[in-house]
Every structure is written in C-alpha cells, then in structure tokens.
Amino acid sequence: MKLLTLLSLLAVAATVRAETTLTMTGVHNCCKGCANGIIKAAADFKDVTVTPEGKKVTIVSKKKSDAKKVAEAIIAAGYFGTIEGDESASKSASKPATASKPEAKLTKATVSGVHLCCQKCATAATDAVKSVAGVTKYEIVSKAESFTVEGEFAKADLVAALNSAGFAGDIK
C-alpha cells in the first residue's frame, strides 16, 4: 500500500515538472475588457491556463509548444509583451528590422488588429503613436478595428512604440 502511494506521488511530481510556464511582461492590460481579451485569445487551447495580472501574463501549459502558441495567439489578438523563459519566442514576436540600409520612411500607414476595447486603450495607443518621430496625424478611437497614421516616419519606429506600450498590430 505504501509503495502504491509513493508511486502515485512520483507520478504527480512528474506531471508537475512537465508543465511549462512562460511569462509575458509589458502587456497592455488596463481593464477587465483587456484581461478578458487575453484569456479569450487562449480559449482554443486545451490544458492551458492564462493569468493576466497587470502588465504580466502567465501562461502554464503541459506542452512547451502549446505555451508558445498561446503567446503567439495573445500577440495576434493585439497585445504585445516580452516573453521570458523563451529566447526564440521573444525574438520572433518582436520581429526586429535586420536591413543593412536605412528603412524608407512611410508617409501613411494603416494599423489594424491593435486591442482597443476602451478609452484607456485608445489613449495608451495614442500616446505610443504620438511619440514616434515624424508622425504628424493620427486618430485612434476605442473599439476601432484600425487607425491611420500620417507624417514621415519609419515603420520600425511605429512598431517599437506600439510594442513598448504593450500593443501588437499589423501595419500596412
């Protein structure tokens, strides 16, 4: 009987060790709508727990590959964060420019997919966009699916500003 209990405890311990935890830091999460959006992004994944707390999101999964996929799904949902515990995910998520020549300046860009559930989100995104050198015009409203940025600016600078504020999106 004692041997069976010991084997059961060892099996539980092995299961606990098998879990993977990834932490995303710097994620925009200003309200219940943001937290719900982060959790919803992971809803299609089985055996994964996502806990948004302030600017930190903890992802716990039985498989490392699922934890990475959840982090990617959160980014695809319009949030951004530095992924701790996985160098390759952090590098792929931020997509740094590697061009050897200077990037051509944009005069207009449409940004879509940024999470903008409320006015606090819109204000945070606005603050990020207006910090980009060369941006002269923008209008970001809550619940918008996209917004336009005008001026003479580098796309990489716009991406970096949005990422720094905890947002991800598609810039065209």
N, C-alpha and C. Protein backbone atom coordinates (compact mmCIF):
# COMPACT_ATOMS: atom_id res chain seq x y z
N MET A 1 0.82 -1.20 0.00
CA MET A 1 0.00 0.00 0.00
C MET A 1 0.87 1.26 0.00
N LYS A 2 1.94 1.25 0.83
CA LYS A 2 2.82 2.41 0.88
C LYS A 2 3.56 2.59 -0.44
N LEU A 3 3.91 1.50 -1.09
CA LEU A 3 4.60 1.57 -2.38
C LEU A 3 3.69 2.20 -3.43
N LEU A 4 2.41 1.84 -3.41
CA LEU A 4 1.45 2.41 -4.35
C LEU A 4 1.30 3.91 -4.13
N THR A 5 1.24 4.35 -2.89
CA THR A 5 1.14 5.77 -2.57
C THR A 5 2.38 6.51 -3.04
N LEU A 6 3.54 5.93 -2.80
CA LEU A 6 4.79 6.54 -3.23
C LEU A 6 4.84 6.67 -4.75
N LEU A 7 4.42 5.63 -5.46
CA LEU A 7 4.39 5.68 -6.92
C LEU A 7 3.40 6.73 -7.41
N SER A 8 2.28 6.87 -6.74
CA SER A 8 1.30 7.90 -7.10
C SER A 8 1.88 9.29 -6.93
N LEU A 9 2.58 9.50 -5.82
CA LEU A 9 3.20 10.80 -5.58
C LEU A 9 4.27 11.11 -6.62
N LEU A 10 5.04 10.10 -6.99
CA LEU A 10 6.06 10.30 -8.03
C LEU A 10 5.42 10.64 -9.38
N ALA A 11 4.30 10.00 -9.68
CA ALA A 11 3.59 10.28 -10.93
C ALA A 11 3.08 11.72 -10.93
N VAL A 12 2.54 12.18 -9.81
CA VAL A 12 2.06 13.57 -9.70
C VAL A 12 3.22 14.53 -9.85
N ALA A 13 4.34 14.23 -9.19
CA ALA A 13 5.51 15.09 -9.28
C ALA A 13 6.02 15.18 -10.71
N ALA A 14 6.02 14.07 -11.43
CA ALA A 14 6.46 14.07 -12.83
C ALA A 14 5.54 14.92 -13.68
N THR A 15 4.24 14.87 -13.40
CA THR A 15 3.28 15.68 -14.14
C THR A 15 3.51 17.16 -13.88
N VAL A 16 3.77 17.52 -12.63
CA VAL A 16 4.01 18.91 -12.28
C VAL A 16 5.26 19.41 -12.98
N ARG A 17 6.31 18.61 -12.98
CA ARG A 17 7.56 19.02 -13.64
C ARG A 17 7.37 19.17 -15.14
N ALA A 18 6.44 18.47 -15.70
CA ALA A 18 6.24 18.51 -17.14
C ALA A 18 5.60 19.81 -17.61
N GLU A 19 5.05 20.58 -16.70
CA GLU A 19 4.41 21.83 -17.09
C GLU A 19 5.45 22.86 -17.52
N THR A 20 5.05 23.69 -18.46
CA THR A 20 5.88 24.79 -18.92
C THR A 20 5.20 26.09 -18.55
N THR A 21 5.98 27.03 -18.04
CA THR A 21 5.46 28.35 -17.72
C THR A 21 6.20 29.39 -18.54
N LEU A 22 5.45 30.17 -19.29
CA LEU A 22 6.01 31.32 -20.00
C LEU A 22 5.38 32.56 -19.38
N THR A 23 6.16 33.62 -19.30
CA THR A 23 5.66 34.88 -18.77
C THR A 23 5.85 35.96 -19.81
N MET A 24 4.78 36.66 -20.11
CA MET A 24 4.85 37.82 -20.99
C MET A 24 4.80 39.07 -20.10
N THR A 25 5.76 39.96 -20.27
CA THR A 25 5.78 41.19 -19.47
C THR A 25 5.61 42.40 -20.39
N GLY A 26 5.08 43.46 -19.83
CA GLY A 26 4.87 44.69 -20.59
C GLY A 26 3.61 44.68 -21.43
N VAL A 27 2.71 43.75 -21.17
CA VAL A 27 1.47 43.62 -21.94
C VAL A 27 0.48 44.70 -21.53
N HIS A 28 -0.16 45.33 -22.49
CA HIS A 28 -1.21 46.31 -22.17
C HIS A 28 -2.41 45.56 -21.60
N ASN A 29 -2.81 45.95 -20.40
CA ASN A 29 -3.92 45.29 -19.71
C ASN A 29 -4.50 46.29 -18.72
N CYS A 30 -5.32 47.21 -19.22
CA CYS A 30 -5.79 48.31 -18.38
C CYS A 30 -7.17 48.09 -17.75
N CYS A 31 -7.88 47.06 -18.18
CA CYS A 31 -9.26 46.90 -17.70
C CYS A 31 -9.72 45.45 -17.82
N LYS A 32 -10.92 45.19 -17.38
CA LYS A 32 -11.50 43.84 -17.46
C LYS A 32 -11.63 43.39 -18.92
N GLY A 33 -11.92 44.34 -19.83
CA GLY A 33 -12.02 44.01 -21.25
C GLY A 33 -10.69 43.50 -21.81
N CYS A 34 -9.60 44.13 -21.38
CA CYS A 34 -8.27 43.66 -21.81
C CYS A 34 -8.00 42.27 -21.26
N ALA A 35 -8.23 42.08 -19.97
CA ALA A 35 -7.99 40.78 -19.34
C ALA A 35 -8.82 39.69 -20.01
N ASN A 36 -10.07 40.00 -20.29
CA ASN A 36 -10.93 39.03 -20.97
C ASN A 36 -10.43 38.72 -22.38
N GLY A 37 -9.93 39.74 -23.08
CA GLY A 37 -9.38 39.53 -24.42
C GLY A 37 -8.14 38.64 -24.41
N ILE A 38 -7.30 38.82 -23.39
CA ILE A 38 -6.10 37.99 -23.26
C ILE A 38 -6.51 36.54 -23.01
N ILE A 39 -7.46 36.34 -22.11
CA ILE A 39 -7.93 34.98 -21.80
C ILE A 39 -8.63 34.36 -23.01
N LYS A 40 -9.42 35.16 -23.71
CA LYS A 40 -10.14 34.66 -24.89
C LYS A 40 -9.16 34.21 -25.99
N ALA A 41 -8.04 34.90 -26.11
CA ALA A 41 -7.05 34.53 -27.13
C ALA A 41 -6.55 33.10 -26.94
N ALA A 42 -6.61 32.61 -25.71
CA ALA A 42 -6.12 31.26 -25.41
C ALA A 42 -7.23 30.24 -25.30
N ALA A 43 -8.46 30.64 -25.55
CA ALA A 43 -9.63 29.77 -25.33
C ALA A 43 -9.61 28.49 -26.16
N ASP A 44 -8.98 28.50 -27.31
CA ASP A 44 -8.98 27.32 -28.18
C ASP A 44 -7.93 26.28 -27.78
N PHE A 45 -7.13 26.58 -26.76
CA PHE A 45 -6.06 25.68 -26.37
C PHE A 45 -6.47 24.88 -25.15
N LYS A 46 -6.24 23.57 -25.24
CA LYS A 46 -6.61 22.64 -24.17
C LYS A 46 -5.48 22.55 -23.15
N ASP A 47 -5.84 22.40 -21.89
CA ASP A 47 -4.87 22.22 -20.81
C ASP A 47 -3.88 23.37 -20.69
N VAL A 48 -4.37 24.60 -20.89
CA VAL A 48 -3.55 25.80 -20.76
C VAL A 48 -4.25 26.76 -19.81
N THR A 49 -3.48 27.35 -18.91
CA THR A 49 -4.01 28.35 -18.00
C THR A 49 -3.34 29.68 -18.32
N VAL A 50 -4.13 30.72 -18.48
CA VAL A 50 -3.61 32.05 -18.76
C VAL A 50 -4.08 32.97 -17.64
N THR A 51 -3.12 33.65 -17.00
CA THR A 51 -3.45 34.54 -15.90
C THR A 51 -2.88 35.92 -16.18
N PRO A 52 -3.74 36.89 -16.56
CA PRO A 52 -3.27 38.26 -16.73
C PRO A 52 -3.32 39.00 -15.39
N GLU A 53 -2.19 39.56 -14.99
CA GLU A 53 -2.11 40.34 -13.76
C GLU A 53 -1.31 41.60 -14.07
N GLY A 54 -2.01 42.73 -14.15
CA GLY A 54 -1.33 43.96 -14.52
C GLY A 54 -0.70 43.80 -15.89
N LYS A 55 0.55 44.18 -16.02
CA LYS A 55 1.25 44.11 -17.31
C LYS A 55 1.95 42.76 -17.52
N LYS A 56 1.62 41.79 -16.67
CA LYS A 56 2.23 40.46 -16.76
C LYS A 56 1.16 39.43 -17.06
N VAL A 57 1.47 38.53 -17.99
CA VAL A 57 0.58 37.42 -18.33
C VAL A 57 1.38 36.14 -18.13
N THR A 58 0.84 35.24 -17.30
CA THR A 58 1.49 33.96 -17.05
C THR A 58 0.73 32.88 -17.81
N ILE A 59 1.48 32.09 -18.58
CA ILE A 59 0.91 31.01 -19.38
C ILE A 59 1.48 29.70 -18.84
N VAL A 60 0.61 28.80 -18.41
CA VAL A 60 1.04 27.49 -17.91
C VAL A 60 0.39 26.44 -18.79
N SER A 61 1.23 25.54 -19.31
CA SER A 61 0.76 24.51 -20.22
C SER A 61 1.51 23.21 -19.99
N LYS A 62 0.89 22.11 -20.35
CA LYS A 62 1.57 20.82 -20.25
C LYS A 62 2.63 20.68 -21.33
N LYS A 63 2.45 21.38 -22.45
CA LYS A 63 3.41 21.29 -23.56
C LYS A 63 4.01 22.67 -23.81
N LYS A 64 5.33 22.70 -23.98
CA LYS A 64 6.01 23.96 -24.27
C LYS A 64 5.51 24.54 -25.59
N SER A 65 5.26 23.68 -26.56
CA SER A 65 4.79 24.17 -27.86
C SER A 65 3.43 24.85 -27.73
N ASP A 66 2.56 24.34 -26.86
CA ASP A 66 1.26 24.98 -26.66
C ASP A 66 1.41 26.33 -25.97
N ALA A 67 2.32 26.43 -25.01
CA ALA A 67 2.56 27.70 -24.32
C ALA A 67 3.03 28.75 -25.33
N LYS A 68 3.91 28.36 -26.25
CA LYS A 68 4.39 29.29 -27.28
C LYS A 68 3.25 29.70 -28.21
N LYS A 69 2.41 28.73 -28.57
CA LYS A 69 1.27 29.04 -29.45
C LYS A 69 0.29 29.99 -28.77
N VAL A 70 0.09 29.83 -27.48
CA VAL A 70 -0.79 30.74 -26.74
C VAL A 70 -0.20 32.15 -26.74
N ALA A 71 1.10 32.27 -26.50
CA ALA A 71 1.75 33.59 -26.53
C ALA A 71 1.57 34.22 -27.92
N GLU A 72 1.73 33.44 -28.96
CA GLU A 72 1.52 33.94 -30.32
C GLU A 72 0.07 34.36 -30.54
N ALA A 73 -0.88 33.61 -29.97
CA ALA A 73 -2.30 33.96 -30.10
C ALA A 73 -2.61 35.26 -29.37
N ILE A 74 -1.98 35.48 -28.24
CA ILE A 74 -2.18 36.73 -27.49
C ILE A 74 -1.65 37.90 -28.31
N ILE A 75 -0.49 37.72 -28.93
CA ILE A 75 0.07 38.77 -29.79
C ILE A 75 -0.84 39.01 -30.99
N ALA A 76 -1.36 37.93 -31.58
CA ALA A 76 -2.28 38.07 -32.72
C ALA A 76 -3.57 38.77 -32.33
N ALA A 77 -3.91 38.73 -31.05
CA ALA A 77 -5.13 39.39 -30.56
C ALA A 77 -4.90 40.88 -30.29
N GLY A 78 -3.70 41.38 -30.55
CA GLY A 78 -3.44 42.81 -30.45
C GLY A 78 -2.67 43.26 -29.23
N TYR A 79 -2.15 42.30 -28.48
CA TYR A 79 -1.34 42.61 -27.29
C TYR A 79 0.11 42.29 -27.61
N PHE A 80 1.02 42.87 -26.85
CA PHE A 80 2.43 42.55 -27.05
C PHE A 80 3.11 42.50 -25.69
N GLY A 81 4.08 41.61 -25.56
CA GLY A 81 4.88 41.55 -24.35
C GLY A 81 6.17 40.82 -24.63
N THR A 82 7.14 41.08 -23.82
CA THR A 82 8.40 40.37 -23.90
C THR A 82 8.17 39.01 -23.27
N ILE A 83 8.56 37.96 -23.97
CA ILE A 83 8.33 36.61 -23.48
C ILE A 83 9.57 36.14 -22.74
N GLU A 84 9.41 35.94 -21.44
CA GLU A 84 10.52 35.49 -20.61
C GLU A 84 10.52 33.97 -20.57
N GLY A 85 11.70 33.41 -20.55
CA GLY A 85 11.81 31.96 -20.48
C GLY A 85 11.89 31.31 -21.84
N ASP A 86 11.90 32.11 -22.92
CA ASP A 86 12.00 31.54 -24.25
C ASP A 86 12.58 32.57 -25.21
N GLU A 87 13.88 32.52 -25.40
CA GLU A 87 14.57 33.48 -26.27
C GLU A 87 14.02 33.50 -27.68
N SER A 88 13.75 32.35 -28.27
CA SER A 88 13.31 32.31 -29.66
C SER A 88 11.94 32.96 -29.83
N ALA A 89 11.05 32.80 -28.86
CA ALA A 89 9.72 33.41 -28.96
C ALA A 89 9.81 34.92 -28.86
N SER A 90 10.66 35.44 -27.97
CA SER A 90 10.81 36.89 -27.83
C SER A 90 11.33 37.51 -29.12
N LYS A 91 12.30 36.86 -29.74
CA LYS A 91 12.87 37.40 -30.96
C LYS A 91 11.88 37.35 -32.11
N SER A 92 11.14 36.26 -32.22
CA SER A 92 10.19 36.16 -33.33
C SER A 92 8.99 37.07 -33.12
N ALA A 93 8.63 37.31 -31.87
CA ALA A 93 7.47 38.15 -31.60
C ALA A 93 7.76 39.61 -31.93
N SER A 94 8.97 40.07 -31.66
CA SER A 94 9.27 41.48 -31.88
C SER A 94 9.66 41.79 -33.31
N LYS A 95 10.06 40.80 -34.08
CA LYS A 95 10.41 40.95 -35.49
C LYS A 95 11.29 42.18 -35.74
N PRO A 96 12.48 42.22 -35.16
CA PRO A 96 13.33 43.39 -35.34
C PRO A 96 13.80 43.53 -36.79
N ALA A 97 13.98 44.78 -37.20
CA ALA A 97 14.46 45.04 -38.56
C ALA A 97 15.93 44.64 -38.64
N THR A 98 16.28 43.93 -39.70
CA THR A 98 17.67 43.50 -39.86
C THR A 98 18.26 44.02 -41.16
N ALA A 99 17.63 44.98 -41.79
CA ALA A 99 18.12 45.52 -43.05
C ALA A 99 19.42 46.29 -42.81
N SER A 100 20.34 46.18 -43.78
CA SER A 100 21.61 46.88 -43.64
C SER A 100 21.52 48.33 -44.11
N LYS A 101 20.57 48.64 -44.97
CA LYS A 101 20.40 50.03 -45.40
C LYS A 101 19.25 50.67 -44.63
N PRO A 102 19.23 51.99 -44.54
CA PRO A 102 18.18 52.67 -43.80
C PRO A 102 16.79 52.36 -44.37
N GLU A 103 15.85 52.22 -43.48
CA GLU A 103 14.48 51.91 -43.88
C GLU A 103 13.84 53.14 -44.52
N ALA A 104 13.09 52.92 -45.61
CA ALA A 104 12.38 54.01 -46.26
C ALA A 104 11.31 54.54 -45.31
N LYS A 105 11.12 55.84 -45.35
CA LYS A 105 10.11 56.47 -44.49
C LYS A 105 8.73 56.28 -45.10
N LEU A 106 7.76 56.06 -44.24
CA LEU A 106 6.37 55.99 -44.67
C LEU A 106 5.74 57.37 -44.54
N THR A 107 4.77 57.66 -45.38
CA THR A 107 4.02 58.91 -45.23
C THR A 107 2.62 58.63 -44.70
N LYS A 108 2.21 57.37 -44.84
CA LYS A 108 0.90 56.98 -44.35
C LYS A 108 0.90 55.48 -44.10
N ALA A 109 0.28 55.08 -42.99
CA ALA A 109 0.17 53.65 -42.68
C ALA A 109 -1.17 53.38 -42.02
N THR A 110 -1.72 52.23 -42.32
CA THR A 110 -2.93 51.77 -41.65
C THR A 110 -2.53 50.68 -40.67
N VAL A 111 -2.93 50.86 -39.43
CA VAL A 111 -2.60 49.91 -38.37
C VAL A 111 -3.89 49.19 -38.00
N SER A 112 -3.87 47.87 -38.06
CA SER A 112 -5.06 47.09 -37.70
C SER A 112 -4.69 46.02 -36.68
N GLY A 113 -5.70 45.52 -36.00
CA GLY A 113 -5.51 44.42 -35.06
C GLY A 113 -5.03 44.80 -33.69
N VAL A 114 -4.88 46.09 -33.40
CA VAL A 114 -4.46 46.52 -32.07
C VAL A 114 -5.67 46.41 -31.14
N HIS A 115 -5.46 45.89 -29.94
CA HIS A 115 -6.56 45.75 -28.98
C HIS A 115 -6.93 47.13 -28.45
N LEU A 116 -8.15 47.57 -28.76
CA LEU A 116 -8.63 48.91 -28.35
C LEU A 116 -10.04 48.80 -27.76
N CYS A 117 -10.18 48.08 -26.66
CA CYS A 117 -11.52 47.81 -26.13
C CYS A 117 -12.15 49.00 -25.41
N CYS A 118 -11.34 49.97 -24.98
CA CYS A 118 -11.89 51.08 -24.20
C CYS A 118 -11.07 52.35 -24.43
N GLN A 119 -11.50 53.45 -23.82
CA GLN A 119 -10.79 54.71 -23.99
C GLN A 119 -9.38 54.67 -23.41
N LYS A 120 -9.18 53.93 -22.33
CA LYS A 120 -7.82 53.81 -21.77
C LYS A 120 -6.88 53.15 -22.78
N CYS A 121 -7.37 52.15 -23.49
CA CYS A 121 -6.57 51.50 -24.55
C CYS A 121 -6.26 52.51 -25.64
N ALA A 122 -7.27 53.24 -26.10
CA ALA A 122 -7.08 54.21 -27.17
C ALA A 122 -6.09 55.29 -26.75
N THR A 123 -6.18 55.73 -25.51
CA THR A 123 -5.25 56.76 -25.01
C THR A 123 -3.83 56.23 -24.95
N ALA A 124 -3.66 55.00 -24.49
CA ALA A 124 -2.31 54.41 -24.43
C ALA A 124 -1.73 54.24 -25.83
N ALA A 125 -2.54 53.79 -26.78
CA ALA A 125 -2.07 53.65 -28.17
C ALA A 125 -1.75 55.02 -28.77
N THR A 126 -2.58 56.01 -28.47
CA THR A 126 -2.33 57.38 -28.95
C THR A 126 -1.01 57.90 -28.41
N ASP A 127 -0.77 57.71 -27.13
CA ASP A 127 0.49 58.16 -26.53
C ASP A 127 1.68 57.49 -27.20
N ALA A 128 1.54 56.21 -27.53
CA ALA A 128 2.62 55.49 -28.21
C ALA A 128 2.87 56.05 -29.60
N VAL A 129 1.80 56.23 -30.36
CA VAL A 129 1.92 56.71 -31.75
C VAL A 129 2.48 58.12 -31.80
N LYS A 130 2.01 59.00 -30.91
CA LYS A 130 2.48 60.39 -30.97
C LYS A 130 3.93 60.53 -30.52
N SER A 131 4.50 59.48 -29.91
CA SER A 131 5.91 59.52 -29.51
C SER A 131 6.86 59.19 -30.66
N VAL A 132 6.31 58.74 -31.79
CA VAL A 132 7.13 58.34 -32.93
C VAL A 132 7.58 59.59 -33.70
N ALA A 133 8.88 59.71 -33.89
CA ALA A 133 9.43 60.85 -34.64
C ALA A 133 8.86 60.89 -36.04
N GLY A 134 8.37 62.07 -36.44
CA GLY A 134 7.86 62.27 -37.79
C GLY A 134 6.36 62.06 -37.95
N VAL A 135 5.69 61.50 -36.95
CA VAL A 135 4.24 61.32 -37.04
C VAL A 135 3.58 62.68 -36.81
N THR A 136 2.68 63.05 -37.74
CA THR A 136 2.02 64.34 -37.64
C THR A 136 0.50 64.25 -37.49
N LYS A 137 -0.08 63.11 -37.87
CA LYS A 137 -1.53 63.00 -37.83
C LYS A 137 -1.92 61.56 -37.48
N TYR A 138 -2.92 61.44 -36.62
CA TYR A 138 -3.44 60.13 -36.21
C TYR A 138 -4.77 60.37 -35.50
N GLU A 139 -5.60 59.39 -35.53
CA GLU A 139 -6.84 59.45 -34.75
C GLU A 139 -7.16 58.02 -34.33
N ILE A 140 -7.05 57.79 -33.04
CA ILE A 140 -7.26 56.45 -32.51
C ILE A 140 -8.45 56.51 -31.56
N VAL A 141 -9.46 55.72 -31.85
CA VAL A 141 -10.66 55.71 -31.00
C VAL A 141 -10.90 54.31 -30.45
N SER A 142 -11.55 54.26 -29.31
CA SER A 142 -11.83 52.96 -28.70
C SER A 142 -12.75 52.15 -29.59
N LYS A 143 -12.56 50.85 -29.54
CA LYS A 143 -13.33 49.85 -30.29
C LYS A 143 -13.07 49.87 -31.80
N ALA A 144 -12.13 50.71 -32.26
CA ALA A 144 -11.80 50.74 -33.69
C ALA A 144 -11.03 49.48 -34.08
N GLU A 145 -11.27 49.01 -35.28
CA GLU A 145 -10.53 47.85 -35.80
C GLU A 145 -9.21 48.28 -36.44
N SER A 146 -9.12 49.56 -36.83
CA SER A 146 -7.89 50.06 -37.43
C SER A 146 -7.82 51.57 -37.24
N PHE A 147 -6.64 52.11 -37.50
CA PHE A 147 -6.45 53.56 -37.50
C PHE A 147 -5.33 53.91 -38.47
N THR A 148 -5.31 55.17 -38.89
CA THR A 148 -4.32 55.64 -39.86
C THR A 148 -3.34 56.58 -39.18
N VAL A 149 -2.09 56.45 -39.56
CA VAL A 149 -1.02 57.30 -39.06
C VAL A 149 -0.39 57.99 -40.26
N GLU A 150 -0.17 59.30 -40.16
CA GLU A 150 0.44 60.05 -41.26
C GLU A 150 1.63 60.85 -40.77
N GLY A 151 2.48 61.24 -41.71
CA GLY A 151 3.67 62.02 -41.43
C GLY A 151 4.82 61.51 -42.28
N GLU A 152 6.00 61.50 -41.73
CA GLU A 152 7.17 60.91 -42.37
C GLU A 152 7.94 60.18 -41.28
N PHE A 153 7.74 58.87 -41.21
CA PHE A 153 8.23 58.08 -40.08
C PHE A 153 8.66 56.69 -40.54
N ALA A 154 9.45 56.06 -39.72
CA ALA A 154 9.90 54.69 -40.01
C ALA A 154 8.91 53.69 -39.43
N LYS A 155 8.59 52.69 -40.21
CA LYS A 155 7.67 51.64 -39.75
C LYS A 155 8.22 50.98 -38.49
N ALA A 156 9.52 50.72 -38.46
CA ALA A 156 10.14 50.07 -37.30
C ALA A 156 9.95 50.91 -36.04
N ASP A 157 9.99 52.23 -36.18
CA ASP A 157 9.77 53.11 -35.02
C ASP A 157 8.33 53.01 -34.52
N LEU A 158 7.38 52.91 -35.45
CA LEU A 158 5.98 52.77 -35.07
C LEU A 158 5.74 51.43 -34.38
N VAL A 159 6.30 50.37 -34.93
CA VAL A 159 6.19 49.04 -34.31
C VAL A 159 6.78 49.07 -32.91
N ALA A 160 7.97 49.63 -32.77
CA ALA A 160 8.65 49.67 -31.47
C ALA A 160 7.83 50.46 -30.44
N ALA A 161 7.24 51.57 -30.85
CA ALA A 161 6.44 52.38 -29.92
C ALA A 161 5.20 51.63 -29.47
N LEU A 162 4.52 50.99 -30.40
CA LEU A 162 3.32 50.21 -30.03
C LEU A 162 3.70 49.03 -29.14
N ASN A 163 4.77 48.31 -29.50
CA ASN A 163 5.20 47.17 -28.69
C ASN A 163 5.58 47.62 -27.28
N SER A 164 6.26 48.74 -27.19
CA SER A 164 6.67 49.26 -25.89
C SER A 164 5.47 49.59 -25.00
N ALA A 165 4.36 49.97 -25.63
CA ALA A 165 3.13 50.26 -24.89
C ALA A 165 2.30 49.01 -24.63
N GLY A 166 2.77 47.85 -25.11
CA GLY A 166 2.09 46.59 -24.86
C GLY A 166 1.09 46.18 -25.94
N PHE A 167 1.21 46.79 -27.12
CA PHE A 167 0.30 46.50 -28.21
C PHE A 167 1.01 45.84 -29.38
N ALA A 168 0.27 45.04 -30.13
CA ALA A 168 0.74 44.47 -31.38
C ALA A 168 -0.32 44.76 -32.43
N GLY A 169 0.08 44.81 -33.67
CA GLY A 169 -0.87 45.04 -34.75
C GLY A 169 -0.20 44.82 -36.08
N ASP A 170 -0.97 44.96 -37.12
CA ASP A 170 -0.48 44.80 -38.48
C ASP A 170 -0.40 46.18 -39.11
N ILE A 171 0.76 46.53 -39.63
CA ILE A 171 0.97 47.86 -40.21
C ILE A 171 1.17 47.72 -41.70
N LYS A 172 0.31 48.39 -42.47
CA LYS A 172 0.40 48.39 -43.93
C LYS A 172 0.34 49.80 -44.45
